[in-house]
């Protein structure tokens, strides 16, 4: 499922990003080719004007000037004076005879543009001209022009001009190859990056799914145990013969119902936290009152286990906390419940508070077994216990995760450190 999601995410990323980049590169290529064609047309038009000006000025056109024009601008120049060709062999080397190219240009001008270069001009003042494109025998491209202009002697002259566009075509082909190569590289890079990015993007989803699966499995395991005890106790109650046996099995059923009720309450609370539907009544909470009430609630519980519960409060009044008194009390009870459970008889538990320059701390310290460093973050995970044991069924491993959710809701932090001399100290920190 997650693999399909990753593939779908990657393809979506490649398509959206790739289409944008392809459009941008295509636009840039189009603009480059258009600019190249426009520049070529301007150059060609300038060449026409230079030759026409030379003819109209009546100056002598020698072969040297024509050779320089052809070689420097990739031109084929064919001039006729009253239909008599100018004796010029040409300087530009072509794949076919230049006379054939000239004839083809004149033929295309006549057949496609109705421009006959063999006829004199209609006006004795204006120059007539057209430009077009043709292909040679090997499909090489040429920009062509046919020009008719009156001469000062009363006659007329014609110009057939061709510019070889092979270099321009080669440049455009190279640009397109570079374009497709760049697109290939970009798409390959996008594929790799998209796959990695998709993997990182779905990690929270995968972690959430895995956490949900583990949560359901652990909850099912924890619910199965009291249900089994309830079923066995109910069956034993039915066949019990004495009142003492019935009373004993009935007490077991009541205790297991209480355990299940507590477990279900914790599960519902965590589910509400995940869904973001927790009820929260913000108000001014006096830390002294909160801590003392919790201390009094657990004083007898600690005595019953032969543990010493010590209250440690500073002499000065503690600053008020903005939050929900009942929720904060619940979080503190989770910490004390955890300390009472993991502290051996005869042990010591300290419930206290202190204030620093920037923070306010409530802490619960015990001298129990302690928690190894590698487990200090994991103890706040749901159903986690350092001994990984389910044998002590009276403790589910949900208390610390419930406390963490409550403190997070109050924008505080909860963490654990080693107690000096052995044991663990849990801190609730508010800024």
Protein backbone atom coordinates (compact mmCIF):
# COMPACT_ATOMS: atom_id res chain seq x y z
CA UNK A 1 0.00 0.00 0.00
CA UNK A 2 2.73 2.44 1.00
CA UNK A 3 4.85 1.41 -1.98
CA UNK A 4 1.96 2.21 -4.33
CA UNK A 5 1.49 5.53 -2.55
CA UNK A 6 5.19 6.29 -2.95
CA UNK A 7 5.08 5.44 -6.67
CA UNK A 8 1.95 7.56 -7.16
CA UNK A 9 3.51 10.48 -5.27
CA UNK A 10 6.72 10.19 -7.33
CA UNK A 11 4.86 10.08 -10.65
CA UNK A 12 2.73 13.07 -9.65
CA UNK A 13 5.84 15.01 -8.65
CA UNK A 14 7.64 14.12 -11.90
CA UNK A 15 4.64 15.00 -14.05
CA UNK A 16 3.89 18.34 -12.43
CA UNK A 17 7.48 19.49 -12.08
CA UNK A 18 8.53 17.91 -15.38
CA UNK A 19 5.73 19.58 -17.35
CA UNK A 20 6.69 22.98 -15.94
CA UNK A 21 10.36 22.48 -16.79
CA UNK A 22 9.64 21.06 -20.25
CA UNK A 23 7.38 24.02 -21.03
CA UNK A 24 10.04 26.43 -19.83
CA UNK A 25 12.81 24.73 -21.85
CA UNK A 26 10.55 24.49 -24.92
CA UNK A 27 9.70 28.18 -24.64
CA UNK A 28 13.37 29.06 -24.27
CA UNK A 29 14.28 26.88 -27.28
CA UNK A 30 11.51 28.44 -29.35
CA UNK A 31 12.64 31.93 -28.42
CA UNK A 32 16.25 31.08 -29.25
CA UNK A 33 15.35 29.65 -32.65
CA UNK A 34 13.05 32.57 -33.40
CA UNK A 35 15.79 35.02 -32.49
CA UNK A 36 18.27 33.10 -34.65
CA UNK A 37 15.89 33.16 -37.62
CA UNK A 38 15.15 36.84 -37.16
CA UNK A 39 18.84 37.64 -37.00
CA UNK A 40 19.42 35.60 -40.14
CA UNK A 41 16.60 37.42 -41.95
CA UNK A 42 17.98 40.81 -40.91
CA UNK A 43 21.45 39.83 -42.13
CA UNK A 44 20.02 38.58 -45.42
CA UNK A 45 18.01 41.77 -45.90
CA UNK A 46 21.12 43.85 -45.20
CA UNK A 47 23.02 41.88 -47.84
CA UNK A 48 20.27 42.53 -50.38
CA UNK A 49 20.35 46.24 -49.60
CA UNK A 50 24.15 46.35 -49.91
CA UNK A 51 24.13 44.74 -53.34
CA UNK A 52 21.17 46.82 -54.57
CA UNK A 53 22.86 49.99 -53.37
CA UNK A 54 26.02 48.97 -55.19
CA UNK A 55 24.04 48.38 -58.40
CA UNK A 56 22.03 51.59 -58.11
CA UNK A 57 25.11 53.71 -57.45
CA UNK A 58 26.48 52.81 -60.83
CA UNK A 59 29.78 51.76 -59.37
CA UNK A 60 31.75 49.01 -60.93
CA UNK A 61 31.14 45.66 -59.19
CA UNK A 62 34.34 43.69 -59.36
CA UNK A 63 34.85 40.02 -58.68
CA UNK A 64 36.85 40.68 -55.53
CA UNK A 65 33.97 42.45 -53.82
CA UNK A 66 31.53 39.74 -54.88
CA UNK A 67 33.88 37.02 -53.63
CA UNK A 68 34.17 38.71 -50.26
CA UNK A 69 30.40 39.07 -50.02
CA UNK A 70 29.82 35.42 -50.86
CA UNK A 71 32.53 33.99 -48.62
CA UNK A 72 31.79 36.25 -45.66
CA UNK A 73 28.00 35.78 -45.70
CA UNK A 74 27.51 32.30 -47.23
CA UNK A 75 25.86 33.81 -50.33
CA UNK A 76 25.31 32.88 -53.93
CA UNK A 77 25.08 36.08 -56.01
CA UNK A 78 23.70 36.04 -59.54
CA UNK A 79 23.38 39.42 -61.33
CA UNK A 80 21.98 40.03 -64.81
CA UNK A 81 22.11 43.29 -66.77
CA UNK A 82 19.28 43.41 -69.31
CA UNK A 83 19.09 39.60 -69.01
CA UNK A 84 22.82 39.20 -69.59
CA UNK A 85 24.53 37.37 -66.67
CA UNK A 86 27.48 38.99 -64.99
CA UNK A 87 30.61 36.94 -65.63
CA UNK A 88 31.35 35.68 -62.10
CA UNK A 89 32.17 32.11 -61.27
CA UNK A 90 31.39 32.48 -57.55
CA UNK A 91 33.40 31.96 -54.40
CA UNK A 92 30.99 29.86 -52.30
CA UNK A 93 31.38 26.12 -52.70
CA UNK A 94 28.06 24.27 -53.02
CA UNK A 95 27.09 20.64 -53.29
CA UNK A 96 25.51 21.18 -56.70
CA UNK A 97 26.16 23.59 -59.51
CA UNK A 98 25.24 27.12 -58.53
CA UNK A 99 23.50 27.64 -61.89
CA UNK A 100 21.00 24.92 -60.96
CA UNK A 101 20.29 26.60 -57.61
CA UNK A 102 19.81 29.96 -59.32
CA UNK A 103 17.44 28.44 -61.87
CA UNK A 104 15.47 26.74 -59.12
CA UNK A 105 15.17 29.99 -57.18
CA UNK A 106 13.96 31.85 -60.28
CA UNK A 107 11.50 29.05 -61.02
CA UNK A 108 10.07 29.08 -57.47
CA UNK A 109 9.77 32.89 -57.62
CA UNK A 110 7.76 32.64 -60.79
CA UNK A 111 5.60 29.59 -60.03
CA UNK A 112 4.80 30.27 -56.36
CA UNK A 113 5.07 34.04 -56.13
CA UNK A 114 4.29 35.11 -59.72
CA UNK A 115 7.53 37.06 -59.84
CA UNK A 116 9.30 36.76 -63.22
CA UNK A 117 12.86 37.92 -62.96
CA UNK A 118 13.22 37.80 -66.75
CA UNK A 119 10.81 40.68 -67.29
CA UNK A 120 11.77 44.37 -66.91
CA UNK A 121 10.40 46.34 -63.94
CA UNK A 122 7.02 48.04 -64.18
CA UNK A 123 8.36 51.19 -62.56
CA UNK A 124 11.39 53.13 -63.66
CA UNK A 125 12.02 54.23 -60.05
CA UNK A 126 10.99 51.54 -57.57
CA UNK A 127 12.81 48.31 -56.81
CA UNK A 128 10.73 45.13 -56.82
CA UNK A 129 11.76 42.19 -54.65
CA UNK A 130 10.53 39.08 -52.87
CA UNK A 131 12.15 36.70 -50.36
CA UNK A 132 11.41 33.02 -49.83
CA UNK A 133 13.07 29.73 -48.94
CA UNK A 134 14.11 26.80 -51.12
CA UNK A 135 15.92 23.50 -50.70
CA UNK A 136 18.84 22.17 -52.68
CA UNK A 137 19.28 18.74 -54.18
CA UNK A 138 20.49 17.35 -50.83
CA UNK A 139 17.72 19.11 -48.93
CA UNK A 140 20.06 21.84 -47.75
CA UNK A 141 18.10 25.01 -46.90
CA UNK A 142 18.58 28.40 -48.58
CA UNK A 143 17.13 31.81 -47.98
CA UNK A 144 16.40 33.22 -51.48
CA UNK A 145 15.57 36.62 -52.92
CA UNK A 146 14.60 37.84 -56.38
CA UNK A 147 15.13 41.53 -57.13
CA UNK A 148 14.40 43.69 -60.20
CA UNK A 149 15.65 47.27 -60.31
CA UNK A 150 15.86 49.93 -63.04
CA UNK A 151 19.30 51.14 -64.09
CA UNK A 152 20.40 54.71 -64.77
CA UNK A 153 21.08 53.93 -68.41
CA UNK A 154 17.40 53.21 -69.05
CA UNK A 155 17.72 49.46 -68.86
CA UNK A 156 17.15 47.15 -65.90
CA UNK A 157 19.05 44.74 -63.74
CA UNK A 158 18.07 41.66 -61.78
CA UNK A 159 19.50 39.98 -58.75
CA UNK A 160 19.04 36.40 -57.63
CA UNK A 161 20.48 35.95 -54.16
CA UNK A 162 20.70 32.81 -52.05
CA UNK A 163 22.06 32.45 -48.53
CA UNK A 164 23.10 29.02 -47.27
CA UNK A 165 21.23 28.20 -44.03
CA UNK A 166 23.05 24.94 -43.33
CA UNK A 167 25.04 26.51 -40.50
CA UNK A 168 21.86 27.91 -38.98
CA UNK A 169 20.16 24.53 -39.32
CA UNK A 170 23.15 22.85 -37.69
CA UNK A 171 23.07 25.31 -34.79
CA UNK A 172 19.36 24.73 -34.29
CA UNK A 173 19.86 20.96 -34.40
CA UNK A 174 22.58 21.19 -31.76
CA UNK A 175 20.32 23.35 -29.61
CA UNK A 176 17.55 20.77 -29.87
CA UNK A 177 19.93 17.93 -29.01
CA UNK A 178 21.12 19.89 -25.99
CA UNK A 179 17.49 20.56 -25.11
CA UNK A 180 16.49 16.89 -25.21
CA UNK A 181 19.67 15.90 -23.37
CA UNK A 182 18.94 18.48 -20.67
CA UNK A 183 15.34 17.28 -20.41
CA UNK A 184 16.52 13.67 -20.11
CA UNK A 185 18.98 14.57 -17.36
CA UNK A 186 16.40 16.71 -15.57
CA UNK A 187 13.72 14.02 -15.74
CA UNK A 188 16.18 11.39 -14.49
CA UNK A 189 17.18 13.71 -11.65
CA UNK A 190 13.53 14.41 -10.88
CA UNK A 191 12.84 10.68 -10.79
CA UNK A 192 15.63 10.05 -8.29
CA UNK A 193 14.83 13.12 -6.21
CA UNK A 194 11.08 12.45 -6.40
CA UNK A 195 11.53 8.86 -5.24
CA UNK A 196 13.70 9.94 -2.30
CA UNK A 197 11.43 12.88 -1.49
CA UNK A 198 8.37 10.62 -1.64
CA UNK A 199 10.09 8.18 0.69
CA UNK A 200 10.74 10.94 3.21
CA UNK A 201 7.26 12.39 2.74
CA UNK A 202 5.49 9.11 3.52
CA UNK A 203 7.71 8.29 6.49
CA UNK A 204 5.29 10.03 8.89
CA UNK A 205 2.42 8.14 7.25
CA UNK A 206 4.30 4.86 7.53
CA UNK A 207 5.26 5.62 11.12
CA UNK A 208 1.66 6.53 11.93
CA UNK A 209 0.37 3.36 10.30
CA UNK A 210 2.94 1.25 12.13
CA UNK A 211 2.16 3.01 15.41
CA UNK A 212 -1.54 2.49 14.86
CA UNK A 213 -1.02 -1.20 14.11
CA UNK A 214 1.16 -1.64 17.17
CA UNK A 215 -1.33 0.32 19.26
CA UNK A 216 -4.27 -1.84 18.17
CA UNK A 217 -2.25 -5.02 18.69
CA UNK A 218 -1.10 -3.94 22.16
CA UNK A 219 -4.59 -2.78 23.14
CA UNK A 220 -6.05 -6.08 21.96
CA UNK A 221 -3.46 -7.95 24.00
CA UNK A 222 -4.18 -5.90 27.11
CA UNK A 223 -7.95 -6.26 26.74
CA UNK A 224 -7.70 -10.00 26.17
CA UNK A 225 -6.12 -10.57 29.59
CA UNK A 226 -8.90 -9.09 31.79
CA UNK A 227 -11.55 -10.55 29.51
CA UNK A 228 -10.05 -14.00 30.02
CA UNK A 229 -9.97 -13.49 33.78
CA UNK A 230 -13.58 -12.28 33.70
CA UNK A 231 -14.70 -15.31 31.72
CA UNK A 232 -12.90 -17.77 33.98
CA UNK A 233 -14.07 -16.04 37.16
CA UNK A 234 -17.67 -15.95 35.91
CA UNK A 235 -17.59 -19.66 35.11
CA UNK A 236 -16.04 -20.45 38.51
CA UNK A 237 -18.63 -18.27 40.23
CA UNK A 238 -21.45 -20.35 38.71
CA UNK A 239 -20.11 -23.62 40.06
CA UNK A 240 -18.90 -22.29 43.42
CA UNK A 241 -20.46 -24.08 46.38
CA UNK A 242 -19.50 -21.80 49.26
CA UNK A 243 -20.17 -18.12 49.88
CA UNK A 244 -16.48 -17.44 50.43
CA UNK A 245 -15.60 -18.79 46.98
CA UNK A 246 -18.41 -16.80 45.35
CA UNK A 247 -17.30 -13.64 47.17
CA UNK A 248 -13.69 -14.20 46.09
CA UNK A 249 -14.61 -14.67 42.41
CA UNK A 250 -17.01 -11.73 42.57
CA UNK A 251 -14.23 -9.47 43.90
CA UNK A 252 -12.00 -10.67 41.09
CA UNK A 253 -14.67 -9.76 38.54
CA UNK A 254 -15.09 -6.30 40.09
CA UNK A 255 -11.34 -5.66 40.10
CA UNK A 256 -11.00 -6.74 36.48
CA UNK A 257 -13.92 -4.50 35.50
CA UNK A 258 -12.14 -1.56 37.16
CA UNK A 259 -8.94 -2.42 35.31
CA UNK A 260 -10.77 -2.59 32.00
CA UNK A 261 -12.57 0.67 32.71
CA UNK A 262 -9.26 2.41 33.41
CA UNK A 263 -7.69 0.94 30.28
CA UNK A 264 -10.64 1.99 28.11
CA UNK A 265 -10.54 5.50 29.59
CA UNK A 266 -6.84 5.80 28.73
CA UNK A 267 -7.43 4.46 25.23
CA UNK A 268 -10.25 6.91 24.64
CA UNK A 269 -8.13 9.75 25.98
CA UNK A 270 -5.23 8.90 23.64
CA UNK A 271 -7.63 8.47 20.72
CA UNK A 272 -9.06 11.92 21.44
CA UNK A 273 -5.52 13.33 21.52
CA UNK A 274 -4.76 11.77 18.13
CA UNK A 275 -7.99 13.16 16.69
CA UNK A 276 -7.41 16.58 18.24
CA UNK A 277 -10.78 16.50 20.04
CA UNK A 278 -9.59 16.75 23.63
CA UNK A 279 -11.64 18.98 25.89
CA UNK A 280 -9.49 21.70 27.42
CA UNK A 281 -10.60 24.24 30.01
CA UNK A 282 -7.96 26.93 30.25
CA UNK A 283 -7.67 28.83 33.48
CA UNK A 284 -5.26 29.97 36.18
CA UNK A 285 -3.80 26.93 37.97
CA UNK A 286 -2.00 27.36 41.30
CA UNK A 287 0.93 24.88 41.26
CA UNK A 288 1.03 24.69 45.07
CA UNK A 289 -2.59 23.55 45.20
CA UNK A 290 -2.08 21.13 42.30
CA UNK A 291 0.98 19.50 43.86
CA UNK A 292 -0.37 19.35 47.41
CA UNK A 293 -3.67 17.77 46.26
CA UNK A 294 -1.78 15.13 44.31
CA UNK A 295 0.51 14.48 47.28
CA UNK A 296 -2.45 13.95 49.61
CA UNK A 297 -4.10 11.58 47.11
CA UNK A 298 -1.01 9.34 46.95
CA UNK A 299 0.20 9.61 50.53
CA UNK A 300 -1.84 6.63 51.74
CA UNK A 301 -1.11 4.63 48.56
CA UNK A 302 2.64 5.00 49.19
CA UNK A 303 2.25 4.06 52.85
CA UNK A 304 0.38 0.92 51.84
CA UNK A 305 3.46 -0.15 49.87
CA UNK A 306 5.80 0.87 52.70
CA UNK A 307 7.17 3.77 50.61
CA UNK A 308 8.11 7.27 51.75
CA UNK A 309 6.39 10.04 49.77
CA UNK A 310 8.09 13.39 50.41
CA UNK A 311 6.72 16.81 49.46
CA UNK A 312 9.40 19.30 48.41
CA UNK A 313 8.15 22.82 47.69
CA UNK A 314 10.09 26.11 47.76
CA UNK A 315 9.36 28.70 50.45
CA UNK A 316 8.19 31.35 47.99
CA UNK A 317 4.92 31.05 46.11
CA UNK A 318 5.08 29.42 42.72
CA UNK A 319 3.85 31.29 39.59
CA UNK A 320 0.44 30.43 38.25
CA UNK A 321 0.11 28.16 35.23
CA UNK A 322 -2.39 28.72 32.45
CA UNK A 323 -4.08 25.40 31.80
CA UNK A 324 -6.65 22.81 32.78
CA UNK A 325 -6.41 21.86 36.47
CA UNK A 326 -7.98 18.44 36.01
CA UNK A 327 -5.76 17.52 33.06
CA UNK A 328 -2.59 18.68 34.81
CA UNK A 329 -3.60 16.76 37.91
CA UNK A 330 -4.14 13.70 35.75
CA UNK A 331 -0.64 14.04 34.24
CA UNK A 332 0.94 14.40 37.67
CA UNK A 333 -0.98 11.36 38.90
CA UNK A 334 0.40 9.37 35.97
CA UNK A 335 3.94 10.21 37.08
CA UNK A 336 3.27 9.34 40.72
CA UNK A 337 1.46 6.16 39.75
CA UNK A 338 4.49 5.14 37.69
CA UNK A 339 6.88 5.96 40.57
CA UNK A 340 4.82 4.02 43.13
CA UNK A 341 4.64 1.02 40.80
CA UNK A 342 8.36 0.79 40.02
CA UNK A 343 9.70 1.71 43.49
CA UNK A 344 10.37 -1.22 45.81
CA UNK A 345 8.90 -1.34 49.35
CA UNK A 346 11.00 0.83 51.62
CA UNK A 347 11.88 3.16 48.77
CA UNK A 348 11.54 6.93 48.62
CA UNK A 349 9.54 9.13 46.25
CA UNK A 350 9.84 12.93 46.12
CA UNK A 351 7.16 15.19 44.64
CA UNK A 352 8.38 18.75 44.26
CA UNK A 353 8.74 21.89 42.22
CA UNK A 354 11.31 24.60 41.58
CA UNK A 355 11.65 27.78 39.56
CA UNK A 356 14.58 28.87 37.42
CA UNK A 357 15.16 32.12 35.53
CA UNK A 358 13.30 30.96 32.45
CA UNK A 359 11.40 27.81 33.39
CA UNK A 360 9.14 26.31 36.03
CA UNK A 361 9.63 22.62 36.89
CA UNK A 362 7.48 20.01 38.59
CA UNK A 363 9.29 16.75 39.25
CA UNK A 364 8.72 13.26 40.60
CA UNK A 365 11.89 11.49 41.76
CA UNK A 366 12.24 7.90 42.94
CA UNK A 367 15.10 5.61 43.96
CA UNK A 368 13.86 2.61 42.02
CA UNK A 369 15.66 0.59 39.34
CA UNK A 370 16.13 3.54 37.02
CA UNK A 371 15.84 3.68 33.24
CA UNK A 372 18.77 3.04 30.86
CA UNK A 373 19.63 5.97 28.57
CA UNK A 374 18.53 4.12 25.42
CA UNK A 375 15.02 3.74 26.86
CA UNK A 376 14.51 7.26 28.21
CA UNK A 377 12.62 8.42 25.09
CA UNK A 378 10.78 5.14 24.57
CA UNK A 379 9.15 5.11 28.00
CA UNK A 380 6.70 7.74 26.73
CA UNK A 381 5.55 5.44 23.92
CA UNK A 382 2.21 3.74 24.32
CA UNK A 383 2.23 0.33 26.00
CA UNK A 384 6.00 0.52 26.43
CA UNK A 385 7.63 -0.96 29.53
CA UNK A 386 11.34 -1.28 30.11
CA UNK A 387 11.03 -4.91 31.13
CA UNK A 388 8.86 -5.65 28.05
CA UNK A 389 6.80 -7.88 30.30
CA UNK A 390 3.06 -8.29 30.45
CA UNK A 391 3.16 -10.40 33.55
CA UNK A 392 2.41 -7.50 35.91
CA UNK A 393 -1.08 -6.99 34.61
CA UNK A 394 -1.96 -4.17 36.99
CA UNK A 395 0.22 -1.77 34.97
CA UNK A 396 -0.45 -1.19 31.28
CA UNK A 397 2.29 1.20 30.19
CA UNK A 398 -0.11 3.95 29.12
CA UNK A 399 0.36 6.41 31.98
CA UNK A 400 3.48 8.16 30.71
CA UNK A 401 2.09 8.47 27.18
CA UNK A 402 -1.09 10.01 28.62
CA UNK A 403 1.01 12.44 30.67
CA UNK A 404 3.04 13.38 27.60
CA UNK A 405 -0.09 14.14 25.59
CA UNK A 406 -1.48 16.31 28.38
CA UNK A 407 1.74 18.27 28.83
CA UNK A 408 2.11 18.71 25.07
CA UNK A 409 -1.43 20.08 25.01
CA UNK A 410 -0.25 22.68 27.56
CA UNK A 411 2.80 23.49 25.40
CA UNK A 412 5.15 22.08 27.99
CA UNK A 413 7.84 19.41 27.94
CA UNK A 414 8.17 16.16 29.82
CA UNK A 415 11.38 14.17 30.11
CA UNK A 416 13.25 11.83 32.45
CA UNK A 417 16.74 11.90 33.96
CA UNK A 418 18.63 9.70 36.36
CA UNK A 419 18.15 10.34 40.07
CA UNK A 420 21.38 10.97 41.93
CA UNK A 421 22.17 7.77 43.78
CA UNK A 422 19.89 5.64 41.57
CA UNK A 423 16.37 5.76 40.23
CA UNK A 424 14.55 8.08 37.84
CA UNK A 425 13.33 11.66 38.00
CA UNK A 426 10.53 12.80 35.69
CA UNK A 427 10.32 16.52 34.93
CA UNK A 428 7.40 18.61 33.68
CA UNK A 429 8.75 21.88 32.32
CA UNK A 430 6.85 25.07 31.50
CA UNK A 431 8.40 28.21 30.03
